[in-house]
Amino acid sequence: MSSEGDEPPVITLAELEACALNEPIAGLNQASMTAVSIAYGNASAAAKSPCKEVFRMLAEIAGIHLTPAIGARCGGLVLRWRTGGP
């Protein structure tokens, strides 16, 4: 993991792969982004590096809630969920 100045740390692919990404959300009975964000936030608080930073990043990403109106103000930002391969 590297960091420059005030920039957030950069998480490498190896660090991401070292963490059990499904564990924090495995017990959820709902798929809301709020629930996912809270689960990863709790996991981040209990984890050691590098998983602490990985789970924190996932908590922050899941905590982003965009609506079509926000996308229009952001220059037409569009989020798409993909399943399967590239």
PDB file of N, CA and C in Angstrom:
ATOM      1  N   MET A   1       0.859  -1.155   0.000  1.00  0.00           N
ATOM      2  CA  MET A   1       0.000   0.000   0.000  1.00  0.00           C
ATOM      3  C   MET A   1       0.908   1.221   0.000  1.00  0.00           C
ATOM      4  N   SER A   2       0.567   2.199  -0.845  1.00  0.00           N
ATOM      5  CA  SER A   2       1.369   3.411  -0.892  1.00  0.00           C
ATOM      6  C   SER A   2       0.476   4.628  -0.735  1.00  0.00           C
ATOM      7  N   SER A   3       1.089   5.705  -0.269  1.00  0.00           N
ATOM      8  CA  SER A   3       0.338   6.943  -0.065  1.00  0.00           C
ATOM      9  C   SER A   3       1.272   8.111  -0.283  1.00  0.00           C
ATOM     10  N   GLU A   4       0.742   9.157  -0.933  1.00  0.00           N
ATOM     11  CA  GLU A   4       1.524  10.357  -1.155  1.00  0.00           C
ATOM     12  C   GLU A   4       0.813  11.535  -0.528  1.00  0.00           C
ATOM     13  N   GLY A   5       1.420  12.156   0.467  1.00  0.00           N
ATOM     14  CA  GLY A   5       0.854  13.342   1.083  1.00  0.00           C
ATOM     15  C   GLY A   5      -0.526  13.092   1.670  1.00  0.00           C
ATOM     16  N   ASP A   6      -1.468  13.927   1.265  1.00  0.00           N
ATOM     17  CA  ASP A   6      -2.833  13.835   1.772  1.00  0.00           C
ATOM     18  C   ASP A   6      -3.712  12.903   0.954  1.00  0.00           C
ATOM     19  N   GLU A   7      -3.163  12.306  -0.071  1.00  0.00           N
ATOM     20  CA  GLU A   7      -3.939  11.392  -0.910  1.00  0.00           C
ATOM     21  C   GLU A   7      -4.274  10.129  -0.133  1.00  0.00           C
ATOM     22  N   PRO A   8      -5.447   9.527  -0.415  1.00  0.00           N
ATOM     23  CA  PRO A   8      -5.768   8.262   0.246  1.00  0.00           C
ATOM     24  C   PRO A   8      -4.804   7.181  -0.199  1.00  0.00           C
ATOM     25  N   PRO A   9      -4.623   6.141   0.616  1.00  0.00           N
ATOM     26  CA  PRO A   9      -3.692   5.083   0.240  1.00  0.00           C
ATOM     27  C   PRO A   9      -4.137   4.377  -1.031  1.00  0.00           C
ATOM     28  N   VAL A  10      -3.178   3.920  -1.801  1.00  0.00           N
ATOM     29  CA  VAL A  10      -3.452   3.137  -3.003  1.00  0.00           C
ATOM     30  C   VAL A  10      -3.399   1.668  -2.601  1.00  0.00           C
ATOM     31  N   ILE A  11      -4.446   0.957  -2.912  1.00  0.00           N
ATOM     32  CA  ILE A  11      -4.531  -0.460  -2.567  1.00  0.00           C
ATOM     33  C   ILE A  11      -4.136  -1.269  -3.783  1.00  0.00           C
ATOM     34  N   THR A  12      -3.182  -2.166  -3.603  1.00  0.00           N
ATOM     35  CA  THR A  12      -2.720  -2.986  -4.719  1.00  0.00           C
ATOM     36  C   THR A  12      -3.648  -4.175  -4.915  1.00  0.00           C
ATOM     37  N   LEU A  13      -3.561  -4.795  -6.091  1.00  0.00           N
ATOM     38  CA  LEU A  13      -4.363  -5.973  -6.385  1.00  0.00           C
ATOM     39  C   LEU A  13      -4.025  -7.108  -5.419  1.00  0.00           C
ATOM     40  N   ALA A  14      -2.758  -7.262  -5.078  1.00  0.00           N
ATOM     41  CA  ALA A  14      -2.357  -8.319  -4.139  1.00  0.00           C
ATOM     42  C   ALA A  14      -2.996  -8.103  -2.768  1.00  0.00           C
ATOM     43  N   GLU A  15      -3.072  -6.856  -2.318  1.00  0.00           N
ATOM     44  CA  GLU A  15      -3.700  -6.552  -1.034  1.00  0.00           C
ATOM     45  C   GLU A  15      -5.202  -6.818  -1.085  1.00  0.00           C
ATOM     46  N   LEU A  16      -5.818  -6.479  -2.195  1.00  0.00           N
ATOM     47  CA  LEU A  16      -7.242  -6.741  -2.371  1.00  0.00           C
ATOM     48  C   LEU A  16      -7.526  -8.242  -2.349  1.00  0.00           C
ATOM     49  N   GLU A  17      -6.692  -8.997  -3.047  1.00  0.00           N
ATOM     50  CA  GLU A  17      -6.868 -10.448  -3.107  1.00  0.00           C
ATOM     51  C   GLU A  17      -6.586 -11.127  -1.774  1.00  0.00           C
ATOM     52  N   ALA A  18      -5.839 -10.474  -0.885  1.00  0.00           N
ATOM     53  CA  ALA A  18      -5.496 -11.059   0.411  1.00  0.00           C
ATOM     54  C   ALA A  18      -6.656 -11.021   1.397  1.00  0.00           C
ATOM     55  N   CYS A  19      -7.719 -10.309   1.059  1.00  0.00           N
ATOM     56  CA  CYS A  19      -8.844 -10.128   1.979  1.00  0.00           C
ATOM     57  C   CYS A  19     -10.036 -10.977   1.542  1.00  0.00           C
ATOM     58  N   ALA A  20     -10.726 -11.520   2.513  1.00  0.00           N
ATOM     59  CA  ALA A  20     -11.942 -12.296   2.257  1.00  0.00           C
ATOM     60  C   ALA A  20     -13.096 -11.310   2.080  1.00  0.00           C
ATOM     61  N   LEU A  21     -13.315 -10.867   0.857  1.00  0.00           N
ATOM     62  CA  LEU A  21     -14.263  -9.792   0.578  1.00  0.00           C
ATOM     63  C   LEU A  21     -15.710 -10.162   0.877  1.00  0.00           C
ATOM     64  N   ASN A  22     -16.050 -11.417   0.815  1.00  0.00           N
ATOM     65  CA  ASN A  22     -17.437 -11.836   1.058  1.00  0.00           C
ATOM     66  C   ASN A  22     -17.777 -11.975   2.540  1.00  0.00           C
ATOM     67  N   GLU A  23     -16.780 -12.175   3.375  1.00  0.00           N
ATOM     68  CA  GLU A  23     -17.052 -12.425   4.801  1.00  0.00           C
ATOM     69  C   GLU A  23     -17.874 -11.323   5.478  1.00  0.00           C
ATOM     70  N   PRO A  24     -17.538 -10.036   5.298  1.00  0.00           N
ATOM     71  CA  PRO A  24     -18.311  -9.011   5.999  1.00  0.00           C
ATOM     72  C   PRO A  24     -19.781  -8.935   5.587  1.00  0.00           C
ATOM     73  N   ILE A  25     -20.097  -9.363   4.372  1.00  0.00           N
ATOM     74  CA  ILE A  25     -21.475  -9.240   3.889  1.00  0.00           C
ATOM     75  C   ILE A  25     -22.202 -10.572   3.814  1.00  0.00           C
ATOM     76  N   ALA A  26     -21.549 -11.646   4.197  1.00  0.00           N
ATOM     77  CA  ALA A  26     -22.139 -12.984   4.074  1.00  0.00           C
ATOM     78  C   ALA A  26     -23.402 -13.148   4.904  1.00  0.00           C
ATOM     79  N   GLY A  27     -23.484 -12.518   6.047  1.00  0.00           N
ATOM     80  CA  GLY A  27     -24.632 -12.697   6.927  1.00  0.00           C
ATOM     81  C   GLY A  27     -25.759 -11.698   6.717  1.00  0.00           C
ATOM     82  N   LEU A  28     -25.628 -10.821   5.728  1.00  0.00           N
ATOM     83  CA  LEU A  28     -26.665  -9.817   5.515  1.00  0.00           C
ATOM     84  C   LEU A  28     -27.942 -10.460   4.990  1.00  0.00           C
ATOM     85  N   ASN A  29     -29.077  -9.989   5.480  1.00  0.00           N
ATOM     86  CA  ASN A  29     -30.351 -10.498   4.979  1.00  0.00           C
ATOM     87  C   ASN A  29     -31.020  -9.478   4.062  1.00  0.00           C
ATOM     88  N   GLN A  30     -30.295  -8.432   3.711  1.00  0.00           N
ATOM     89  CA  GLN A  30     -30.781  -7.440   2.757  1.00  0.00           C
ATOM     90  C   GLN A  30     -29.600  -6.963   1.919  1.00  0.00           C
ATOM     91  N   ALA A  31     -29.890  -6.449   0.754  1.00  0.00           N
ATOM     92  CA  ALA A  31     -28.825  -6.023  -0.154  1.00  0.00           C
ATOM     93  C   ALA A  31     -28.789  -4.517  -0.326  1.00  0.00           C
ATOM     94  N   SER A  32     -29.204  -3.774   0.678  1.00  0.00           N
ATOM     95  CA  SER A  32     -29.160  -2.317   0.546  1.00  0.00           C
ATOM     96  C   SER A  32     -27.720  -1.838   0.635  1.00  0.00           C
ATOM     97  N   MET A  33     -27.431  -0.762  -0.052  1.00  0.00           N
ATOM     98  CA  MET A  33     -26.083  -0.225  -0.030  1.00  0.00           C
ATOM     99  C   MET A  33     -25.714   0.265   1.369  1.00  0.00           C
ATOM    100  N   THR A  34     -26.701   0.732   2.121  1.00  0.00           N
ATOM    101  CA  THR A  34     -26.435   1.160   3.497  1.00  0.00           C
ATOM    102  C   THR A  34     -25.974  -0.018   4.335  1.00  0.00           C
ATOM    103  N   ALA A  35     -26.662  -1.157   4.219  1.00  0.00           N
ATOM    104  CA  ALA A  35     -26.280  -2.352   4.982  1.00  0.00           C
ATOM    105  C   ALA A  35     -24.892  -2.834   4.586  1.00  0.00           C
ATOM    106  N   VAL A  36     -24.597  -2.811   3.299  1.00  0.00           N
ATOM    107  CA  VAL A  36     -23.276  -3.235   2.817  1.00  0.00           C
ATOM    108  C   VAL A  36     -22.203  -2.285   3.336  1.00  0.00           C
ATOM    109  N   SER A  37     -22.465  -0.981   3.283  1.00  0.00           N
ATOM    110  CA  SER A  37     -21.511   0.006   3.776  1.00  0.00           C
ATOM    111  C   SER A  37     -21.226  -0.186   5.265  1.00  0.00           C
ATOM    112  N   ILE A  38     -22.268  -0.383   6.046  1.00  0.00           N
ATOM    113  CA  ILE A  38     -22.097  -0.589   7.490  1.00  0.00           C
ATOM    114  C   ILE A  38     -21.315  -1.867   7.759  1.00  0.00           C
ATOM    115  N   ALA A  39     -21.616  -2.941   7.033  1.00  0.00           N
ATOM    116  CA  ALA A  39     -20.922  -4.213   7.241  1.00  0.00           C
ATOM    117  C   ALA A  39     -19.428  -4.080   6.955  1.00  0.00           C
ATOM    118  N   TYR A  40     -19.087  -3.426   5.839  1.00  0.00           N
ATOM    119  CA  TYR A  40     -17.660  -3.236   5.529  1.00  0.00           C
ATOM    120  C   TYR A  40     -17.007  -2.255   6.498  1.00  0.00           C
ATOM    121  N   GLY A  41     -17.744  -1.264   6.959  1.00  0.00           N
ATOM    122  CA  GLY A  41     -17.201  -0.339   7.949  1.00  0.00           C
ATOM    123  C   GLY A  41     -16.870  -1.039   9.257  1.00  0.00           C
ATOM    124  N   ASN A  42     -17.772  -1.912   9.706  1.00  0.00           N
ATOM    125  CA  ASN A  42     -17.516  -2.695  10.923  1.00  0.00           C
ATOM    126  C   ASN A  42     -16.334  -3.630  10.730  1.00  0.00           C
ATOM    127  N   ALA A  43     -16.245  -4.239   9.554  1.00  0.00           N
ATOM    128  CA  ALA A  43     -15.121  -5.142   9.277  1.00  0.00           C
ATOM    129  C   ALA A  43     -13.808  -4.374   9.254  1.00  0.00           C
ATOM    130  N   SER A  44     -13.826  -3.156   8.731  1.00  0.00           N
ATOM    131  CA  SER A  44     -12.622  -2.338   8.691  1.00  0.00           C
ATOM    132  C   SER A  44     -12.142  -2.007  10.099  1.00  0.00           C
ATOM    133  N   ALA A  45     -13.080  -1.709  10.983  1.00  0.00           N
ATOM    134  CA  ALA A  45     -12.719  -1.366  12.358  1.00  0.00           C
ATOM    135  C   ALA A  45     -12.059  -2.531  13.082  1.00  0.00           C
ATOM    136  N   ALA A  46     -12.417  -3.751  12.705  1.00  0.00           N
ATOM    137  CA  ALA A  46     -11.901  -4.936  13.394  1.00  0.00           C
ATOM    138  C   ALA A  46     -10.696  -5.570  12.692  1.00  0.00           C
ATOM    139  N   ALA A  47     -10.414  -5.177  11.461  1.00  0.00           N
ATOM    140  CA  ALA A  47      -9.370  -5.842  10.667  1.00  0.00           C
ATOM    141  C   ALA A  47      -8.007  -5.184  10.851  1.00  0.00           C
ATOM    142  N   LYS A  48      -6.996  -5.923  10.443  1.00  0.00           N
ATOM    143  CA  LYS A  48      -5.625  -5.411  10.404  1.00  0.00           C
ATOM    144  C   LYS A  48      -5.283  -5.108   8.949  1.00  0.00           C
ATOM    145  N   SER A  49      -4.242  -4.303   8.743  1.00  0.00           N
ATOM    146  CA  SER A  49      -3.799  -3.980   7.384  1.00  0.00           C
ATOM    147  C   SER A  49      -3.358  -5.246   6.661  1.00  0.00           C
ATOM    148  N   PRO A  50      -3.589  -5.399   5.395  1.00  0.00           N
ATOM    149  CA  PRO A  50      -4.165  -4.429   4.469  1.00  0.00           C
ATOM    150  C   PRO A  50      -5.700  -4.480   4.414  1.00  0.00           C
ATOM    151  N   CYS A  51      -6.313  -5.474   5.040  1.00  0.00           N
ATOM    152  CA  CYS A  51      -7.770  -5.618   4.939  1.00  0.00           C
ATOM    153  C   CYS A  51      -8.503  -4.443   5.580  1.00  0.00           C
ATOM    154  N   LYS A  52      -7.904  -3.825   6.578  1.00  0.00           N
ATOM    155  CA  LYS A  52      -8.514  -2.651   7.204  1.00  0.00           C
ATOM    156  C   LYS A  52      -8.784  -1.583   6.144  1.00  0.00           C
ATOM    157  N   GLU A  53      -7.795  -1.298   5.301  1.00  0.00           N
ATOM    158  CA  GLU A  53      -7.935  -0.273   4.265  1.00  0.00           C
ATOM    159  C   GLU A  53      -8.844  -0.741   3.129  1.00  0.00           C
ATOM    160  N   VAL A  54      -8.759  -2.018   2.777  1.00  0.00           N
ATOM    161  CA  VAL A  54      -9.614  -2.560   1.719  1.00  0.00           C
ATOM    162  C   VAL A  54     -11.077  -2.461   2.133  1.00  0.00           C
ATOM    163  N   PHE A  55     -11.409  -2.896   3.340  1.00  0.00           N
ATOM    164  CA  PHE A  55     -12.795  -2.851   3.809  1.00  0.00           C
ATOM    165  C   PHE A  55     -13.275  -1.399   3.958  1.00  0.00           C
ATOM    166  N   ARG A  56     -12.369  -0.513   4.372  1.00  0.00           N
ATOM    167  CA  ARG A  56     -12.738   0.906   4.483  1.00  0.00           C
ATOM    168  C   ARG A  56     -13.102   1.467   3.111  1.00  0.00           C
ATOM    169  N   MET A  57     -12.294   1.115   2.100  1.00  0.00           N
ATOM    170  CA  MET A  57     -12.574   1.566   0.743  1.00  0.00           C
ATOM    171  C   MET A  57     -13.932   1.052   0.273  1.00  0.00           C
ATOM    172  N   LEU A  58     -14.213  -0.226   0.512  1.00  0.00           N
ATOM    173  CA  LEU A  58     -15.491  -0.798   0.094  1.00  0.00           C
ATOM    174  C   LEU A  58     -16.662  -0.172   0.844  1.00  0.00           C
ATOM    175  N   ALA A  59     -16.468   0.141   2.122  1.00  0.00           N
ATOM    176  CA  ALA A  59     -17.519   0.813   2.897  1.00  0.00           C
ATOM    177  C   ALA A  59     -17.818   2.185   2.313  1.00  0.00           C
ATOM    178  N   GLU A  60     -16.780   2.903   1.930  1.00  0.00           N
ATOM    179  CA  GLU A  60     -16.974   4.239   1.366  1.00  0.00           C
ATOM    180  C   GLU A  60     -17.630   4.165  -0.005  1.00  0.00           C
ATOM    181  N   ILE A  61     -17.225   3.202  -0.823  1.00  0.00           N
ATOM    182  CA  ILE A  61     -17.847   3.050  -2.145  1.00  0.00           C
ATOM    183  C   ILE A  61     -19.319   2.690  -1.998  1.00  0.00           C
ATOM    184  N   ALA A  62     -19.618   1.755  -1.123  1.00  0.00           N
ATOM    185  CA  ALA A  62     -21.014   1.342  -0.922  1.00  0.00           C
ATOM    186  C   ALA A  62     -21.841   2.467  -0.312  1.00  0.00           C
ATOM    187  N   GLY A  63     -21.199   3.412   0.354  1.00  0.00           N
ATOM    188  CA  GLY A  63     -21.910   4.517   0.967  1.00  0.00           C
ATOM    189  C   GLY A  63     -22.274   5.637   0.003  1.00  0.00           C
ATOM    190  N   ILE A  64     -21.837   5.529  -1.247  1.00  0.00           N
ATOM    191  CA  ILE A  64     -22.177   6.535  -2.250  1.00  0.00           C
ATOM    192  C   ILE A  64     -23.570   6.236  -2.775  1.00  0.00           C
ATOM    193  N   HIS A  65     -24.452   7.196  -2.673  1.00  0.00           N
ATOM    194  CA  HIS A  65     -25.826   7.024  -3.154  1.00  0.00           C
ATOM    195  C   HIS A  65     -26.095   8.066  -4.226  1.00  0.00           C
ATOM    196  N   LEU A  66     -26.183   7.624  -5.464  1.00  0.00           N
ATOM    197  CA  LEU A  66     -26.422   8.532  -6.575  1.00  0.00           C
ATOM    198  C   LEU A  66     -27.844   8.363  -7.095  1.00  0.00           C
ATOM    199  N   THR A  67     -28.411   9.449  -7.505  1.00  0.00           N
ATOM    200  CA  THR A  67     -29.723   9.435  -8.143  1.00  0.00           C
ATOM    201  C   THR A  67     -29.554  10.000  -9.546  1.00  0.00           C
ATOM    202  N   PRO A  68     -30.512   9.797 -10.439  1.00  0.00           N
ATOM    203  CA  PRO A  68     -30.381  10.381 -11.783  1.00  0.00           C
ATOM    204  C   PRO A  68     -30.175  11.891 -11.754  1.00  0.00           C
ATOM    205  N   ALA A  69     -30.795  12.595 -10.811  1.00  0.00           N
ATOM    206  CA  ALA A  69     -30.622  14.037 -10.729  1.00  0.00           C
ATOM    207  C   ALA A  69     -29.178  14.392 -10.392  1.00  0.00           C
ATOM    208  N   ILE A  70     -28.547  13.636  -9.510  1.00  0.00           N
ATOM    209  CA  ILE A  70     -27.147  13.889  -9.167  1.00  0.00           C
ATOM    210  C   ILE A  70     -26.269  13.624 -10.380  1.00  0.00           C
ATOM    211  N   GLY A  71     -26.558  12.552 -11.104  1.00  0.00           N
ATOM    212  CA  GLY A  71     -25.784  12.244 -12.306  1.00  0.00           C
ATOM    213  C   GLY A  71     -25.825  13.356 -13.321  1.00  0.00           C
ATOM    214  N   ALA A  72     -26.977  13.986 -13.471  1.00  0.00           N
ATOM    215  CA  ALA A  72     -27.110  15.086 -14.427  1.00  0.00           C
ATOM    216  C   ALA A  72     -26.244  16.266 -14.008  1.00  0.00           C
ATOM    217  N   ARG A  73     -26.145  16.529 -12.715  1.00  0.00           N
ATOM    218  CA  ARG A  73     -25.321  17.638 -12.235  1.00  0.00           C
ATOM    219  C   ARG A  73     -23.834  17.318 -12.317  1.00  0.00           C
ATOM    220  N   CYS A  74     -23.502  16.035 -12.429  1.00  0.00           N
ATOM    221  CA  CYS A  74     -22.098  15.615 -12.481  1.00  0.00           C
ATOM    222  C   CYS A  74     -21.637  15.396 -13.917  1.00  0.00           C
ATOM    223  N   GLY A  75     -22.307  16.006 -14.861  1.00  0.00           N
ATOM    224  CA  GLY A  75     -21.901  15.859 -16.252  1.00  0.00           C
ATOM    225  C   GLY A  75     -22.379  14.562 -16.869  1.00  0.00           C
ATOM    226  N   GLY A  76     -23.502  14.032 -16.405  1.00  0.00           N
ATOM    227  CA  GLY A  76     -24.063  12.833 -17.007  1.00  0.00           C
ATOM    228  C   GLY A  76     -23.436  11.545 -16.503  1.00  0.00           C
ATOM    229  N   LEU A  77     -22.964  11.545 -15.272  1.00  0.00           N
ATOM    230  CA  LEU A  77     -22.374  10.356 -14.680  1.00  0.00           C
ATOM    231  C   LEU A  77     -23.360   9.189 -14.728  1.00  0.00           C
ATOM    232  N   VAL A  78     -22.899   8.062 -15.208  1.00  0.00           N
ATOM    233  CA  VAL A  78     -23.752   6.881 -15.303  1.00  0.00           C
ATOM    234  C   VAL A  78     -23.026   5.727 -14.618  1.00  0.00           C
ATOM    235  N   LEU A  79     -23.726   5.055 -13.719  1.00  0.00           N
ATOM    236  CA  LEU A  79     -23.178   3.859 -13.086  1.00  0.00           C
ATOM    237  C   LEU A  79     -23.911   2.654 -13.638  1.00  0.00           C
ATOM    238  N   ARG A  80     -23.182   1.620 -13.977  1.00  0.00           N
ATOM    239  CA  ARG A  80     -23.793   0.394 -14.473  1.00  0.00           C
ATOM    240  C   ARG A  80     -23.221  -0.780 -13.704  1.00  0.00           C
ATOM    241  N   TRP A  81     -24.093  -1.670 -13.294  1.00  0.00           N
ATOM    242  CA  TRP A  81     -23.646  -2.890 -12.640  1.00  0.00           C
ATOM    243  C   TRP A  81     -23.515  -3.954 -13.719  1.00  0.00           C
ATOM    244  N   ARG A  82     -22.372  -4.625 -13.741  1.00  0.00           N
ATOM    245  CA  ARG A  82     -22.151  -5.678 -14.722  1.00  0.00           C
ATOM    246  C   ARG A  82     -22.018  -7.007 -14.015  1.00  0.00           C
ATOM    247  N   THR A  83     -22.501  -8.015 -14.638  1.00  0.00           N
ATOM    248  CA  THR A  83     -22.307  -9.369 -14.127  1.00  0.00           C
ATOM    249  C   THR A  83     -21.590 -10.164 -15.197  1.00  0.00           C
ATOM    250  N   GLY A  84     -20.924 -11.200 -14.772  1.00  0.00           N
ATOM    251  CA  GLY A  84     -20.217 -12.040 -15.740  1.00  0.00           C
ATOM    252  C   GLY A  84     -18.855 -11.495 -16.074  1.00  0.00           C
ATOM    253  N   GLY A  85     -18.370 -11.883 -17.223  1.00  0.00           N
ATOM    254  CA  GLY A  85     -17.015 -11.531 -17.642  1.00  0.00           C
ATOM    255  C   GLY A  85     -16.917 -10.138 -18.210  1.00  0.00           C
ATOM    256  N   PRO A  86     -15.722  -9.785 -18.635  1.00  0.00           N
ATOM    257  CA  PRO A  86     -15.463  -8.428 -19.162  1.00  0.00           C
ATOM    258  C   PRO A  86     -16.192  -8.148 -20.461  1.00  0.00           C
TER     259      PRO A  86
END
